[in-house]
Amino acid sequence: MMKERIPRMESVLSEKRLLDSVEVCTYLSLGRCKGIDFAKQIGAERKIGRRVLYDRHVIDKYFDDQIERC
């Protein structure tokens, strides 16, 4: 029986726009509380019904703007 290949987390995250709480913390390399607080603070939080997701494009734009300021 052949094992199924599991894609690396980085490649999956680079394809998704909306990330759940675990994915956004992995993407930011922060712990759960700090990652979620940071994403909320910069306006990346999106609520769809009871579900809360975080917009990767908003996070990327925030960091791009920070780099331009330097």
C-alpha atoms as a PDB file:
ATOM      1  CA  MET A   1       0.000   0.000   0.000  1.00  0.00           C
ATOM      2  CA  MET A   2       1.381   3.356  -1.023  1.00  0.00           C
ATOM      3  CA  LYS A   3       1.411   6.162   1.535  1.00  0.00           C
ATOM      4  CA  GLU A   4      -0.423   9.314   0.609  1.00  0.00           C
ATOM      5  CA  ARG A   5       1.740  12.392   0.445  1.00  0.00           C
ATOM      6  CA  ILE A   6       0.870  15.126   2.895  1.00  0.00           C
ATOM      7  CA  PRO A   7       1.670  18.577   1.493  1.00  0.00           C
ATOM      8  CA  ARG A   8       3.955  20.779   3.565  1.00  0.00           C
ATOM      9  CA  MET A   9       2.098  23.334   5.690  1.00  0.00           C
ATOM     10  CA  GLU A  10       3.908  26.256   4.009  1.00  0.00           C
ATOM     11  CA  SER A  11       2.707  25.317   0.530  1.00  0.00           C
ATOM     12  CA  VAL A  12      -0.881  24.899   1.731  1.00  0.00           C
ATOM     13  CA  LEU A  13      -0.841  28.250   3.549  1.00  0.00           C
ATOM     14  CA  SER A  14       0.551  30.083   0.531  1.00  0.00           C
ATOM     15  CA  GLU A  15      -2.452  28.972  -1.537  1.00  0.00           C
ATOM     16  CA  LYS A  16      -5.174  29.862   0.982  1.00  0.00           C
ATOM     17  CA  ARG A  17      -6.432  33.393   1.508  1.00  0.00           C
ATOM     18  CA  LEU A  18      -8.495  32.844   4.667  1.00  0.00           C
ATOM     19  CA  LEU A  19      -6.740  31.038   7.498  1.00  0.00           C
ATOM     20  CA  ASP A  20      -8.186  29.531  10.661  1.00  0.00           C
ATOM     21  CA  SER A  21      -6.680  30.251  14.077  1.00  0.00           C
ATOM     22  CA  VAL A  22      -4.145  27.414  13.976  1.00  0.00           C
ATOM     23  CA  GLU A  23      -3.036  28.298  10.448  1.00  0.00           C
ATOM     24  CA  VAL A  24      -2.679  32.029  11.163  1.00  0.00           C
ATOM     25  CA  CYS A  25      -0.517  31.296  14.208  1.00  0.00           C
ATOM     26  CA  THR A  26       1.647  28.958  12.138  1.00  0.00           C
ATOM     27  CA  TYR A  27       1.860  31.546   9.350  1.00  0.00           C
ATOM     28  CA  LEU A  28       2.933  34.249  11.818  1.00  0.00           C
ATOM     29  CA  SER A  29       5.158  31.918  13.870  1.00  0.00           C
ATOM     30  CA  LEU A  30       3.422  33.098  17.034  1.00  0.00           C
ATOM     31  CA  GLY A  31       1.596  31.337  19.834  1.00  0.00           C
ATOM     32  CA  ARG A  32      -2.183  31.038  19.801  1.00  0.00           C
ATOM     33  CA  CYS A  33      -3.059  34.100  21.908  1.00  0.00           C
ATOM     34  CA  LYS A  34      -0.433  36.444  20.425  1.00  0.00           C
ATOM     35  CA  GLY A  35      -1.148  35.345  16.854  1.00  0.00           C
ATOM     36  CA  ILE A  36      -4.888  35.878  17.115  1.00  0.00           C
ATOM     37  CA  ASP A  37      -4.499  39.183  18.993  1.00  0.00           C
ATOM     38  CA  PHE A  38      -2.068  40.461  16.356  1.00  0.00           C
ATOM     39  CA  ALA A  39      -4.330  39.457  13.456  1.00  0.00           C
ATOM     40  CA  LYS A  40      -7.302  41.191  15.118  1.00  0.00           C
ATOM     41  CA  GLN A  41      -5.238  44.308  15.835  1.00  0.00           C
ATOM     42  CA  ILE A  42      -4.247  44.788  12.175  1.00  0.00           C
ATOM     43  CA  GLY A  43      -7.788  44.150  10.901  1.00  0.00           C
ATOM     44  CA  ALA A  44      -7.301  40.713   9.367  1.00  0.00           C
ATOM     45  CA  GLU A  45     -10.192  39.063  11.238  1.00  0.00           C
ATOM     46  CA  ARG A  46     -13.196  38.027   9.123  1.00  0.00           C
ATOM     47  CA  LYS A  47     -16.353  36.558  10.628  1.00  0.00           C
ATOM     48  CA  ILE A  48     -18.490  34.268   8.531  1.00  0.00           C
ATOM     49  CA  GLY A  49     -21.439  33.277  10.663  1.00  0.00           C
ATOM     50  CA  ARG A  50     -19.932  31.879  13.866  1.00  0.00           C
ATOM     51  CA  ARG A  51     -16.688  31.022  12.145  1.00  0.00           C
ATOM     52  CA  VAL A  52     -13.689  33.331  12.544  1.00  0.00           C
ATOM     53  CA  LEU A  53     -11.013  33.379   9.831  1.00  0.00           C
ATOM     54  CA  TYR A  54      -8.029  35.623   9.154  1.00  0.00           C
ATOM     55  CA  ASP A  55      -7.204  37.252   5.806  1.00  0.00           C
ATOM     56  CA  ARG A  56      -3.661  36.405   4.720  1.00  0.00           C
ATOM     57  CA  HIS A  57      -3.613  39.283   2.205  1.00  0.00           C
ATOM     58  CA  VAL A  58      -4.224  41.826   4.980  1.00  0.00           C
ATOM     59  CA  ILE A  59      -1.394  40.303   7.020  1.00  0.00           C
ATOM     60  CA  ASP A  60       0.974  40.358   4.029  1.00  0.00           C
ATOM     61  CA  LYS A  61       0.057  43.975   3.229  1.00  0.00           C
ATOM     62  CA  TYR A  62       0.721  44.995   6.839  1.00  0.00           C
ATOM     63  CA  PHE A  63       4.232  43.561   6.700  1.00  0.00           C
ATOM     64  CA  ASP A  64       4.881  45.037   3.241  1.00  0.00           C
ATOM     65  CA  ASP A  65       3.901  48.474   4.578  1.00  0.00           C
ATOM     66  CA  GLN A  66       6.224  48.010   7.560  1.00  0.00           C
ATOM     67  CA  ILE A  67       9.128  47.228   5.235  1.00  0.00           C
ATOM     68  CA  GLU A  68       8.429  50.338   3.114  1.00  0.00           C
ATOM     69  CA  ARG A  69       8.563  52.548   6.210  1.00  0.00           C
ATOM     70  CA  CYS A  70      12.140  51.480   6.977  1.00  0.00           C
END
